[in-house]
Amino acid sequence: MNARTRPVPVQFDDPVQQREAATLGMWVFLATEILFFGVLFAGYTYCRVLFPDAFATGSRRTDMLLGTLETAVLLTSSCAVALAVREVQLGGRRMATALLGFTAALGIAFLVMHGFEYAAEYEEGLIPAIHYTQQGVHARGMAIFYCLYYFITGFHSLHVAIGVAVLLVMAWRTWHHAFDQDYHTPLELTALYWHLVDIVWIFVYPLVYLVGRAA
């Protein structure tokens, strides 16, 4: 069905009300996600106050190069998905599809780089309860740091994986004329979700990779 002939569901008076309801629902969902990650960040901050030296030591053991590349990849992907929405609004179906595919590819690249990080940390014995070989006065504090690190980055990676799947679906639908200048709400909501993924990482990057190196 062409986007221009898409009927408005009976629960809505018109397309404007449908779009506003969908947007409100997405913002409520994003608020719950912010609260979820906020609890993890608050726990990280509290434990860092308790174990400042151990957290600084643990932070310096993270892969700065991969962390920086991952940040650059996500920032680029947010730009790409925003351009994809703009292209749909301007009628550029092919370019929008390509940009959505490119965004999904960047998300996959992020996950692959994270996988390399986790593999290297396993080899170094930095995964508590699975393979943790650190000894010394800061070993307990570092274990807490890495527990929080895996919780935060693991849940973030899960959100990235979900976002990649949704982006691929949006790319397929865009290519098959599901969206146009008049109707592209699902695409806008997908972009909002992807921007949340990016914003969360903007907090993760300095907390995990940079703060310990500044100590």
N, C-alpha and C. Protein backbone atom coordinates (compact mmCIF):
# COMPACT_ATOMS: atom_id res chain seq x y z
N MET A 1 0.84 -1.20 0.00
CA MET A 1 0.00 0.00 0.00
C MET A 1 0.87 1.24 0.00
N ASN A 2 0.57 2.16 -0.86
CA ASN A 2 1.32 3.40 -0.92
C ASN A 2 1.08 4.23 0.32
N ALA A 3 2.11 4.93 0.78
CA ALA A 3 1.99 5.72 2.00
C ALA A 3 0.91 6.78 1.88
N ARG A 4 0.68 7.30 0.68
CA ARG A 4 -0.28 8.37 0.51
C ARG A 4 -1.72 7.88 0.67
N THR A 5 -1.96 6.58 0.43
CA THR A 5 -3.31 6.04 0.54
C THR A 5 -3.52 5.27 1.83
N ARG A 6 -2.57 5.37 2.75
CA ARG A 6 -2.67 4.64 4.01
C ARG A 6 -3.84 5.17 4.82
N PRO A 7 -4.79 4.30 5.22
CA PRO A 7 -5.93 4.78 6.01
C PRO A 7 -5.53 5.09 7.45
N VAL A 8 -6.24 6.04 8.04
CA VAL A 8 -5.99 6.39 9.43
C VAL A 8 -6.77 5.41 10.31
N PRO A 9 -6.12 4.77 11.30
CA PRO A 9 -6.85 3.85 12.20
C PRO A 9 -8.05 4.54 12.85
N VAL A 10 -9.07 3.73 13.16
CA VAL A 10 -10.33 4.29 13.62
C VAL A 10 -10.21 5.03 14.95
N GLN A 11 -9.18 4.71 15.76
CA GLN A 11 -9.05 5.37 17.07
C GLN A 11 -8.53 6.79 16.97
N PHE A 12 -8.12 7.21 15.77
CA PHE A 12 -7.60 8.56 15.58
C PHE A 12 -8.53 9.36 14.67
N ASP A 13 -8.60 10.66 14.95
CA ASP A 13 -9.46 11.54 14.14
C ASP A 13 -8.82 11.85 12.79
N ASP A 14 -7.50 12.02 12.78
CA ASP A 14 -6.82 12.40 11.55
C ASP A 14 -5.34 12.01 11.66
N PRO A 15 -4.59 12.12 10.58
CA PRO A 15 -3.17 11.74 10.62
C PRO A 15 -2.35 12.54 11.63
N VAL A 16 -2.71 13.80 11.86
CA VAL A 16 -1.97 14.62 12.82
C VAL A 16 -2.09 14.04 14.22
N GLN A 17 -3.32 13.67 14.61
CA GLN A 17 -3.52 13.08 15.93
C GLN A 17 -2.79 11.75 16.05
N GLN A 18 -2.79 10.97 14.98
CA GLN A 18 -2.07 9.69 14.98
C GLN A 18 -0.58 9.90 15.21
N ARG A 19 -0.02 10.87 14.52
CA ARG A 19 1.41 11.16 14.66
C ARG A 19 1.74 11.64 16.06
N GLU A 20 0.90 12.54 16.60
CA GLU A 20 1.15 13.07 17.94
C GLU A 20 1.07 11.98 19.00
N ALA A 21 0.10 11.07 18.87
CA ALA A 21 -0.03 9.97 19.84
C ALA A 21 1.18 9.05 19.78
N ALA A 22 1.62 8.73 18.55
CA ALA A 22 2.78 7.85 18.40
C ALA A 22 4.04 8.51 18.96
N THR A 23 4.19 9.80 18.71
CA THR A 23 5.37 10.51 19.21
C THR A 23 5.37 10.58 20.73
N LEU A 24 4.20 10.85 21.31
CA LEU A 24 4.10 10.88 22.77
C LEU A 24 4.46 9.53 23.37
N GLY A 25 3.94 8.46 22.77
CA GLY A 25 4.26 7.12 23.26
C GLY A 25 5.75 6.83 23.20
N MET A 26 6.40 7.25 22.13
CA MET A 26 7.85 7.03 22.02
C MET A 26 8.61 7.81 23.07
N TRP A 27 8.21 9.06 23.32
CA TRP A 27 8.90 9.86 24.32
C TRP A 27 8.72 9.27 25.72
N VAL A 28 7.54 8.70 26.00
CA VAL A 28 7.33 8.04 27.30
C VAL A 28 8.25 6.82 27.40
N PHE A 29 8.34 6.06 26.33
CA PHE A 29 9.24 4.90 26.32
C PHE A 29 10.69 5.33 26.52
N LEU A 30 11.11 6.39 25.83
CA LEU A 30 12.48 6.87 25.97
C LEU A 30 12.75 7.34 27.40
N ALA A 31 11.73 7.94 28.04
CA ALA A 31 11.89 8.39 29.43
C ALA A 31 12.15 7.20 30.35
N THR A 32 11.45 6.08 30.12
CA THR A 32 11.69 4.89 30.95
C THR A 32 13.10 4.34 30.70
N GLU A 33 13.57 4.41 29.46
CA GLU A 33 14.92 3.96 29.16
C GLU A 33 15.97 4.84 29.84
N ILE A 34 15.72 6.14 29.87
CA ILE A 34 16.64 7.06 30.55
C ILE A 34 16.68 6.75 32.04
N LEU A 35 15.52 6.46 32.62
CA LEU A 35 15.50 6.10 34.05
C LEU A 35 16.29 4.81 34.29
N PHE A 36 16.16 3.85 33.39
CA PHE A 36 16.88 2.58 33.53
C PHE A 36 18.38 2.81 33.53
N PHE A 37 18.87 3.52 32.52
CA PHE A 37 20.31 3.77 32.47
C PHE A 37 20.74 4.74 33.57
N GLY A 38 19.85 5.62 33.98
CA GLY A 38 20.17 6.55 35.06
C GLY A 38 20.50 5.82 36.35
N VAL A 39 19.78 4.75 36.63
CA VAL A 39 20.07 3.95 37.83
C VAL A 39 21.47 3.33 37.73
N LEU A 40 21.82 2.82 36.56
CA LEU A 40 23.15 2.24 36.37
C LEU A 40 24.24 3.30 36.53
N PHE A 41 24.01 4.48 35.97
CA PHE A 41 25.00 5.55 36.10
C PHE A 41 25.11 6.01 37.56
N ALA A 42 23.99 6.06 38.27
CA ALA A 42 24.03 6.45 39.68
C ALA A 42 24.80 5.42 40.50
N GLY A 43 24.58 4.14 40.21
CA GLY A 43 25.32 3.09 40.90
C GLY A 43 26.81 3.18 40.61
N TYR A 44 27.14 3.46 39.36
CA TYR A 44 28.55 3.63 38.99
C TYR A 44 29.17 4.79 39.76
N THR A 45 28.46 5.91 39.83
CA THR A 45 28.99 7.09 40.52
C THR A 45 29.20 6.80 42.00
N TYR A 46 28.23 6.14 42.62
CA TYR A 46 28.34 5.82 44.05
C TYR A 46 29.55 4.91 44.31
N CYS A 47 29.70 3.87 43.50
CA CYS A 47 30.82 2.94 43.71
C CYS A 47 32.15 3.60 43.39
N ARG A 48 32.15 4.52 42.46
CA ARG A 48 33.40 5.21 42.15
C ARG A 48 33.86 6.06 43.34
N VAL A 49 32.90 6.65 44.06
CA VAL A 49 33.25 7.41 45.26
C VAL A 49 33.83 6.49 46.32
N LEU A 50 33.30 5.27 46.42
CA LEU A 50 33.79 4.31 47.42
C LEU A 50 35.16 3.75 47.06
N PHE A 51 35.41 3.54 45.76
CA PHE A 51 36.66 2.91 45.30
C PHE A 51 37.31 3.76 44.21
N PRO A 52 37.71 4.97 44.51
CA PRO A 52 38.23 5.86 43.44
C PRO A 52 39.48 5.33 42.76
N ASP A 53 40.44 4.81 43.54
CA ASP A 53 41.69 4.33 42.95
C ASP A 53 41.46 3.07 42.10
N ALA A 54 40.62 2.16 42.61
CA ALA A 54 40.34 0.92 41.88
C ALA A 54 39.60 1.23 40.57
N PHE A 55 38.66 2.17 40.61
CA PHE A 55 37.92 2.52 39.40
C PHE A 55 38.83 3.20 38.39
N ALA A 56 39.74 4.05 38.88
CA ALA A 56 40.69 4.70 37.98
C ALA A 56 41.60 3.66 37.32
N THR A 57 42.04 2.69 38.11
CA THR A 57 42.88 1.62 37.57
C THR A 57 42.13 0.79 36.55
N GLY A 58 40.88 0.45 36.87
CA GLY A 58 40.07 -0.33 35.94
C GLY A 58 39.81 0.44 34.65
N SER A 59 39.53 1.72 34.78
CA SER A 59 39.27 2.54 33.59
C SER A 59 40.47 2.58 32.67
N ARG A 60 41.66 2.64 33.25
CA ARG A 60 42.88 2.69 32.43
C ARG A 60 43.16 1.36 31.72
N ARG A 61 42.48 0.29 32.15
CA ARG A 61 42.65 -1.01 31.49
C ARG A 61 41.71 -1.16 30.29
N THR A 62 40.75 -0.26 30.12
CA THR A 62 39.87 -0.33 28.96
C THR A 62 40.61 0.08 27.70
N ASP A 63 40.06 -0.31 26.56
CA ASP A 63 40.70 -0.04 25.27
C ASP A 63 40.28 1.35 24.78
N MET A 64 41.16 2.32 24.96
CA MET A 64 40.86 3.70 24.61
C MET A 64 40.63 3.87 23.11
N LEU A 65 41.43 3.18 22.30
CA LEU A 65 41.30 3.32 20.85
C LEU A 65 39.95 2.81 20.36
N LEU A 66 39.58 1.60 20.78
CA LEU A 66 38.30 1.06 20.35
C LEU A 66 37.14 1.88 20.89
N GLY A 67 37.25 2.32 22.14
CA GLY A 67 36.19 3.15 22.71
C GLY A 67 35.98 4.43 21.93
N THR A 68 37.08 5.05 21.50
CA THR A 68 36.99 6.28 20.71
C THR A 68 36.39 6.01 19.34
N LEU A 69 36.83 4.92 18.71
CA LEU A 69 36.27 4.55 17.40
C LEU A 69 34.78 4.25 17.51
N GLU A 70 34.38 3.58 18.56
CA GLU A 70 32.96 3.28 18.76
C GLU A 70 32.15 4.57 18.92
N THR A 71 32.72 5.54 19.61
CA THR A 71 32.04 6.82 19.77
C THR A 71 31.87 7.52 18.43
N ALA A 72 32.94 7.53 17.64
CA ALA A 72 32.88 8.16 16.32
C ALA A 72 31.86 7.45 15.43
N VAL A 73 31.80 6.13 15.50
CA VAL A 73 30.85 5.36 14.69
C VAL A 73 29.41 5.72 15.06
N LEU A 74 29.12 5.79 16.35
CA LEU A 74 27.75 6.10 16.76
C LEU A 74 27.36 7.53 16.41
N LEU A 75 28.27 8.47 16.58
CA LEU A 75 27.97 9.85 16.21
C LEU A 75 27.69 9.96 14.72
N THR A 76 28.48 9.26 13.91
CA THR A 76 28.25 9.26 12.48
C THR A 76 26.91 8.62 12.14
N SER A 77 26.57 7.56 12.84
CA SER A 77 25.30 6.87 12.56
C SER A 77 24.10 7.74 12.90
N SER A 78 24.19 8.53 13.96
CA SER A 78 23.09 9.44 14.29
C SER A 78 22.90 10.49 13.21
N CYS A 79 24.00 10.98 12.66
CA CYS A 79 23.92 11.93 11.55
C CYS A 79 23.27 11.27 10.34
N ALA A 80 23.65 10.02 10.06
CA ALA A 80 23.12 9.31 8.89
C ALA A 80 21.62 9.08 9.01
N VAL A 81 21.14 8.67 10.20
CA VAL A 81 19.71 8.40 10.33
C VAL A 81 18.91 9.70 10.26
N ALA A 82 19.46 10.80 10.77
CA ALA A 82 18.79 12.09 10.64
C ALA A 82 18.68 12.51 9.17
N LEU A 83 19.74 12.27 8.42
CA LEU A 83 19.72 12.58 6.99
C LEU A 83 18.72 11.68 6.26
N ALA A 84 18.58 10.43 6.70
CA ALA A 84 17.62 9.52 6.08
C ALA A 84 16.20 10.04 6.25
N VAL A 85 15.86 10.50 7.45
CA VAL A 85 14.53 11.07 7.68
C VAL A 85 14.31 12.28 6.79
N ARG A 86 15.33 13.11 6.70
CA ARG A 86 15.22 14.31 5.85
C ARG A 86 15.03 13.94 4.38
N GLU A 87 15.73 12.92 3.93
CA GLU A 87 15.58 12.48 2.54
C GLU A 87 14.17 12.01 2.25
N VAL A 88 13.57 11.27 3.18
CA VAL A 88 12.18 10.83 3.00
C VAL A 88 11.26 12.03 2.92
N GLN A 89 11.48 13.01 3.78
CA GLN A 89 10.66 14.21 3.76
C GLN A 89 10.78 14.96 2.43
N LEU A 90 11.91 14.81 1.77
CA LEU A 90 12.13 15.47 0.48
C LEU A 90 11.81 14.58 -0.71
N GLY A 91 11.40 13.34 -0.42
CA GLY A 91 11.05 12.43 -1.51
C GLY A 91 12.19 11.60 -2.04
N GLY A 92 13.32 11.59 -1.35
CA GLY A 92 14.48 10.83 -1.81
C GLY A 92 14.48 9.42 -1.28
N ARG A 93 13.65 8.54 -1.84
CA ARG A 93 13.49 7.19 -1.32
C ARG A 93 14.78 6.37 -1.40
N ARG A 94 15.45 6.40 -2.52
CA ARG A 94 16.66 5.58 -2.69
C ARG A 94 17.77 6.02 -1.74
N MET A 95 18.00 7.32 -1.65
CA MET A 95 19.05 7.81 -0.75
C MET A 95 18.70 7.51 0.70
N ALA A 96 17.41 7.65 1.05
CA ALA A 96 16.99 7.35 2.43
C ALA A 96 17.24 5.89 2.76
N THR A 97 16.92 5.01 1.81
CA THR A 97 17.16 3.58 2.04
C THR A 97 18.65 3.30 2.24
N ALA A 98 19.48 3.93 1.40
CA ALA A 98 20.93 3.73 1.53
C ALA A 98 21.44 4.25 2.86
N LEU A 99 20.93 5.39 3.30
CA LEU A 99 21.38 5.96 4.57
C LEU A 99 20.94 5.09 5.75
N LEU A 100 19.75 4.52 5.67
CA LEU A 100 19.29 3.63 6.74
C LEU A 100 20.15 2.37 6.78
N GLY A 101 20.47 1.82 5.61
CA GLY A 101 21.36 0.67 5.57
C GLY A 101 22.74 0.99 6.10
N PHE A 102 23.22 2.18 5.77
CA PHE A 102 24.52 2.62 6.27
C PHE A 102 24.51 2.76 7.79
N THR A 103 23.42 3.30 8.33
CA THR A 103 23.29 3.43 9.78
C THR A 103 23.30 2.07 10.45
N ALA A 104 22.56 1.11 9.88
CA ALA A 104 22.54 -0.24 10.44
C ALA A 104 23.94 -0.86 10.38
N ALA A 105 24.66 -0.64 9.27
CA ALA A 105 26.02 -1.18 9.13
C ALA A 105 26.95 -0.60 10.19
N LEU A 106 26.79 0.69 10.49
CA LEU A 106 27.60 1.30 11.54
C LEU A 106 27.27 0.71 12.90
N GLY A 107 25.98 0.42 13.12
CA GLY A 107 25.60 -0.23 14.37
C GLY A 107 26.24 -1.60 14.51
N ILE A 108 26.25 -2.35 13.42
CA ILE A 108 26.90 -3.67 13.43
C ILE A 108 28.40 -3.53 13.69
N ALA A 109 29.02 -2.52 13.05
CA ALA A 109 30.45 -2.29 13.28
C ALA A 109 30.72 -1.99 14.75
N PHE A 110 29.85 -1.20 15.37
CA PHE A 110 29.98 -0.91 16.80
C PHE A 110 29.95 -2.20 17.61
N LEU A 111 29.00 -3.07 17.32
CA LEU A 111 28.88 -4.33 18.07
C LEU A 111 30.09 -5.22 17.87
N VAL A 112 30.62 -5.25 16.66
CA VAL A 112 31.81 -6.06 16.38
C VAL A 112 33.01 -5.55 17.19
N MET A 113 33.19 -4.23 17.19
CA MET A 113 34.30 -3.66 17.97
C MET A 113 34.14 -3.95 19.45
N HIS A 114 32.90 -3.87 19.93
CA HIS A 114 32.66 -4.20 21.34
C HIS A 114 32.98 -5.66 21.61
N GLY A 115 32.67 -6.51 20.65
CA GLY A 115 33.01 -7.92 20.81
C GLY A 115 34.50 -8.14 20.93
N PHE A 116 35.28 -7.40 20.14
CA PHE A 116 36.74 -7.49 20.25
C PHE A 116 37.21 -7.03 21.64
N GLU A 117 36.57 -5.97 22.15
CA GLU A 117 36.92 -5.51 23.50
C GLU A 117 36.67 -6.60 24.54
N TYR A 118 35.49 -7.19 24.48
CA TYR A 118 35.14 -8.23 25.46
C TYR A 118 36.09 -9.42 25.35
N ALA A 119 36.44 -9.80 24.13
CA ALA A 119 37.35 -10.93 23.94
C ALA A 119 38.73 -10.64 24.55
N ALA A 120 39.23 -9.41 24.33
CA ALA A 120 40.53 -9.04 24.88
C ALA A 120 40.47 -9.01 26.41
N GLU A 121 39.37 -8.53 26.95
CA GLU A 121 39.24 -8.46 28.41
C GLU A 121 39.13 -9.85 29.02
N TYR A 122 38.51 -10.78 28.30
CA TYR A 122 38.47 -12.16 28.78
C TYR A 122 39.88 -12.74 28.84
N GLU A 123 40.67 -12.48 27.80
CA GLU A 123 42.05 -12.99 27.78
C GLU A 123 42.88 -12.40 28.91
N GLU A 124 42.57 -11.16 29.30
CA GLU A 124 43.31 -10.52 30.38
C GLU A 124 42.78 -10.89 31.76
N GLY A 125 41.72 -11.68 31.80
CA GLY A 125 41.15 -12.06 33.09
C GLY A 125 40.44 -10.92 33.79
N LEU A 126 39.60 -10.21 33.04
CA LEU A 126 38.94 -9.03 33.58
C LEU A 126 37.41 -9.17 33.62
N ILE A 127 36.92 -10.41 33.62
CA ILE A 127 35.47 -10.62 33.65
C ILE A 127 35.11 -11.31 34.96
N PRO A 128 34.59 -10.55 35.93
CA PRO A 128 34.25 -11.13 37.24
C PRO A 128 33.26 -12.28 37.11
N ALA A 129 33.45 -13.28 37.95
CA ALA A 129 32.59 -14.48 38.04
C ALA A 129 32.74 -15.41 36.84
N ILE A 130 33.47 -15.01 35.83
CA ILE A 130 33.69 -15.86 34.66
C ILE A 130 35.18 -16.16 34.48
N HIS A 131 35.96 -15.10 34.37
CA HIS A 131 37.42 -15.26 34.24
C HIS A 131 38.07 -13.99 34.77
N TYR A 132 38.28 -13.99 36.09
CA TYR A 132 38.85 -12.80 36.75
C TYR A 132 40.09 -13.23 37.51
N THR A 133 41.24 -12.73 37.08
CA THR A 133 42.51 -13.18 37.64
C THR A 133 43.29 -12.06 38.33
N GLN A 134 42.64 -10.91 38.55
CA GLN A 134 43.37 -9.78 39.12
C GLN A 134 43.61 -9.99 40.61
N GLN A 135 44.78 -9.55 41.05
CA GLN A 135 45.18 -9.66 42.45
C GLN A 135 45.61 -8.28 42.95
N GLY A 136 45.73 -8.17 44.26
CA GLY A 136 46.23 -6.92 44.83
C GLY A 136 45.18 -6.13 45.58
N VAL A 137 45.61 -4.97 46.05
CA VAL A 137 44.76 -4.17 46.91
C VAL A 137 43.52 -3.63 46.19
N HIS A 138 43.62 -3.44 44.87
CA HIS A 138 42.50 -2.86 44.12
C HIS A 138 41.66 -3.92 43.41
N ALA A 139 41.94 -5.20 43.65
CA ALA A 139 41.26 -6.26 42.89
C ALA A 139 39.74 -6.24 43.13
N ARG A 140 39.32 -6.05 44.38
CA ARG A 140 37.88 -6.06 44.67
C ARG A 140 37.18 -4.87 44.04
N GLY A 141 37.78 -3.69 44.18
CA GLY A 141 37.19 -2.51 43.58
C GLY A 141 37.14 -2.59 42.07
N MET A 142 38.18 -3.15 41.46
CA MET A 142 38.19 -3.32 40.00
C MET A 142 37.12 -4.30 39.57
N ALA A 143 36.87 -5.33 40.37
CA ALA A 143 35.81 -6.29 40.04
C ALA A 143 34.45 -5.59 40.00
N ILE A 144 34.22 -4.69 40.95
CA ILE A 144 32.97 -3.92 40.96
C ILE A 144 32.91 -3.02 39.73
N PHE A 145 34.03 -2.39 39.39
CA PHE A 145 34.07 -1.55 38.19
C PHE A 145 33.69 -2.34 36.95
N TYR A 146 34.27 -3.52 36.80
CA TYR A 146 34.01 -4.30 35.60
C TYR A 146 32.61 -4.89 35.59
N CYS A 147 32.06 -5.20 36.76
CA CYS A 147 30.65 -5.63 36.81
C CYS A 147 29.74 -4.54 36.25
N LEU A 148 29.95 -3.31 36.73
CA LEU A 148 29.14 -2.20 36.25
C LEU A 148 29.42 -1.92 34.78
N TYR A 149 30.68 -2.03 34.39
CA TYR A 149 31.06 -1.81 32.99
C TYR A 149 30.32 -2.78 32.08
N TYR A 150 30.26 -4.06 32.45
CA TYR A 150 29.58 -5.04 31.60
C TYR A 150 28.07 -4.87 31.63
N PHE A 151 27.52 -4.50 32.79
CA PHE A 151 26.09 -4.23 32.84
C PHE A 151 25.72 -3.07 31.93
N ILE A 152 26.45 -1.97 32.05
CA ILE A 152 26.12 -0.76 31.28
C ILE A 152 26.35 -0.98 29.80
N THR A 153 27.55 -1.43 29.43
CA THR A 153 27.85 -1.61 28.00
C THR A 153 27.08 -2.78 27.40
N GLY A 154 26.81 -3.80 28.21
CA GLY A 154 26.05 -4.94 27.71
C GLY A 154 24.61 -4.56 27.37
N PHE A 155 23.95 -3.85 28.29
CA PHE A 155 22.58 -3.43 28.01
C PHE A 155 22.55 -2.40 26.87
N HIS A 156 23.56 -1.56 26.81
CA HIS A 156 23.62 -0.61 25.71
C HIS A 156 23.79 -1.36 24.38
N SER A 157 24.64 -2.36 24.34
CA SER A 157 24.81 -3.14 23.12
C SER A 157 23.53 -3.86 22.72
N LEU A 158 22.76 -4.32 23.72
CA LEU A 158 21.47 -4.93 23.42
C LEU A 158 20.55 -3.92 22.73
N HIS A 159 20.56 -2.68 23.22
CA HIS A 159 19.75 -1.63 22.58
C HIS A 159 20.25 -1.35 21.16
N VAL A 160 21.56 -1.38 20.97
CA VAL A 160 22.10 -1.18 19.63
C VAL A 160 21.63 -2.29 18.70
N ALA A 161 21.69 -3.54 19.17
CA ALA A 161 21.27 -4.67 18.34
C ALA A 161 19.79 -4.56 17.96
N ILE A 162 18.95 -4.17 18.90
CA ILE A 162 17.53 -3.97 18.60
C ILE A 162 17.37 -2.85 17.58
N GLY A 163 18.13 -1.77 17.77
CA GLY A 163 18.05 -0.65 16.84
C GLY A 163 18.47 -1.05 15.44
N VAL A 164 19.51 -1.88 15.33
CA VAL A 164 19.96 -2.34 14.01
C VAL A 164 18.84 -3.11 13.31
N ALA A 165 18.19 -4.01 14.05
CA ALA A 165 17.10 -4.79 13.46
C ALA A 165 15.96 -3.88 12.98
N VAL A 166 15.60 -2.90 13.79
CA VAL A 166 14.52 -1.98 13.41
C VAL A 166 14.94 -1.14 12.20
N LEU A 167 16.18 -0.69 12.18
CA LEU A 167 16.67 0.10 11.04
C LEU A 167 16.61 -0.69 9.74
N LEU A 168 16.96 -1.96 9.79
CA LEU A 168 16.88 -2.78 8.58
C LEU A 168 15.45 -2.94 8.11
N VAL A 169 14.53 -3.09 9.06
CA VAL A 169 13.11 -3.16 8.69
C VAL A 169 12.66 -1.84 8.07
N MET A 170 13.08 -0.72 8.66
CA MET A 170 12.72 0.59 8.11
C MET A 170 13.32 0.81 6.72
N ALA A 171 14.53 0.31 6.51
CA ALA A 171 15.15 0.42 5.19
C ALA A 171 14.35 -0.36 4.16
N TRP A 172 13.94 -1.56 4.52
CA TRP A 172 13.14 -2.39 3.61
C TRP A 172 11.82 -1.72 3.30
N ARG A 173 11.15 -1.19 4.32
CA ARG A 173 9.86 -0.53 4.11
C ARG A 173 10.01 0.75 3.30
N THR A 174 11.09 1.48 3.55
CA THR A 174 11.32 2.70 2.77
C THR A 174 11.51 2.37 1.31
N TRP A 175 12.27 1.33 1.01
CA TRP A 175 12.52 0.94 -0.37
C TRP A 175 11.21 0.53 -1.07
N HIS A 176 10.27 -0.05 -0.29
CA HIS A 176 9.01 -0.51 -0.85
C HIS A 176 7.88 0.53 -0.70
N HIS A 177 8.27 1.79 -0.68
CA HIS A 177 7.31 2.92 -0.76
C HIS A 177 6.35 2.99 0.44
N ALA A 178 6.79 2.53 1.62
CA ALA A 178 5.91 2.62 2.78
C ALA A 178 5.84 4.04 3.34
N PHE A 179 6.85 4.86 3.03
CA PHE A 179 6.90 6.22 3.57
C PHE A 179 7.09 7.22 2.44
N ASP A 180 6.57 8.41 2.67
CA ASP A 180 6.79 9.51 1.74
C ASP A 180 6.74 10.82 2.51
N GLN A 181 6.61 11.95 1.79
CA GLN A 181 6.61 13.25 2.43
C GLN A 181 5.47 13.42 3.43
N ASP A 182 4.34 12.73 3.18
CA ASP A 182 3.16 12.90 4.02
C ASP A 182 3.11 11.94 5.20
N TYR A 183 3.73 10.77 5.05
CA TYR A 183 3.68 9.77 6.12
C TYR A 183 5.05 9.13 6.31
N HIS A 184 5.67 9.42 7.43
CA HIS A 184 6.97 8.82 7.75
C HIS A 184 7.18 8.75 9.27
N THR A 185 6.07 8.70 10.02
CA THR A 185 6.17 8.69 11.48
C THR A 185 7.01 7.53 12.02
N PRO A 186 6.81 6.27 11.57
CA PRO A 186 7.65 5.19 12.10
C PRO A 186 9.14 5.44 11.91
N LEU A 187 9.48 6.06 10.80
CA LEU A 187 10.89 6.36 10.54
C LEU A 187 11.41 7.41 11.52
N GLU A 188 10.61 8.42 11.79
CA GLU A 188 11.01 9.45 12.76
C GLU A 188 11.18 8.84 14.15
N LEU A 189 10.28 7.95 14.54
CA LEU A 189 10.36 7.33 15.87
C LEU A 189 11.58 6.41 15.97
N THR A 190 11.89 5.72 14.89
CA THR A 190 13.11 4.89 14.87
C THR A 190 14.35 5.76 15.05
N ALA A 191 14.36 6.92 14.39
CA ALA A 191 15.50 7.84 14.53
C ALA A 191 15.61 8.34 15.96
N LEU A 192 14.47 8.63 16.60
CA LEU A 192 14.50 9.06 18.00
C LEU A 192 15.13 7.99 18.88
N TYR A 193 14.72 6.75 18.68
CA TYR A 193 15.30 5.65 19.46
C TYR A 193 16.81 5.56 19.24
N TRP A 194 17.23 5.68 17.98
CA TRP A 194 18.65 5.57 17.68
C TRP A 194 19.44 6.72 18.31
N HIS A 195 18.85 7.90 18.34
CA HIS A 195 19.52 9.03 19.00
C HIS A 195 19.68 8.77 20.50
N LEU A 196 18.69 8.09 21.11
CA LEU A 196 18.83 7.73 22.53
C LEU A 196 20.03 6.81 22.72
N VAL A 197 20.17 5.83 21.85
CA VAL A 197 21.33 4.92 21.91
C VAL A 197 22.63 5.72 21.86
N ASP A 198 22.67 6.71 20.99
CA ASP A 198 23.85 7.55 20.84
C ASP A 198 24.09 8.38 22.10
N ILE A 199 23.03 8.99 22.63
CA ILE A 199 23.16 9.86 23.80
C ILE A 199 23.66 9.07 25.01
N VAL A 200 23.13 7.86 25.20
CA VAL A 200 23.57 7.04 26.32
C VAL A 200 25.07 6.77 26.21
N TRP A 201 25.54 6.48 25.00
CA TRP A 201 26.98 6.21 24.83
C TRP A 201 27.82 7.46 25.09
N ILE A 202 27.28 8.62 24.80
CA ILE A 202 28.01 9.86 25.07
C ILE A 202 28.30 9.99 26.56
N PHE A 203 27.43 9.44 27.40
CA PHE A 203 27.70 9.42 28.84
C PHE A 203 28.63 8.26 29.21
N VAL A 204 28.46 7.11 28.56
CA VAL A 204 29.28 5.95 28.88
C VAL A 204 30.75 6.21 28.57
N TYR A 205 31.02 6.81 27.43
CA TYR A 205 32.41 7.00 26.98
C TYR A 205 33.27 7.75 27.99
N PRO A 206 32.88 8.94 28.44
CA PRO A 206 33.74 9.61 29.43
C PRO A 206 33.77 8.91 30.78
N LEU A 207 32.64 8.35 31.21
CA LEU A 207 32.61 7.70 32.51
C LEU A 207 33.54 6.49 32.56
N VAL A 208 33.53 5.71 31.51
CA VAL A 208 34.28 4.45 31.51
C VAL A 208 35.70 4.62 30.98
N TYR A 209 35.86 5.34 29.88
CA TYR A 209 37.15 5.38 29.19
C TYR A 209 38.03 6.57 29.56
N LEU A 210 37.43 7.70 29.93
CA LEU A 210 38.21 8.92 30.08
C LEU A 210 38.50 9.30 31.53
N VAL A 211 37.52 9.10 32.42
CA VAL A 211 37.67 9.62 33.79
C VAL A 211 38.88 9.01 34.49
N GLY A 212 39.07 7.70 34.33
CA GLY A 212 40.21 7.06 34.99
C GLY A 212 41.55 7.56 34.47
N ARG A 213 41.59 7.91 33.21
CA ARG A 213 42.83 8.39 32.63
C ARG A 213 43.13 9.83 33.02
N ALA A 214 42.14 10.55 33.53
CA ALA A 214 42.35 11.92 34.00
C ALA A 214 42.71 11.94 35.47
N ALA A 215 42.56 10.80 36.14
CA ALA A 215 42.82 10.75 37.59
C ALA A 215 44.30 10.71 37.88
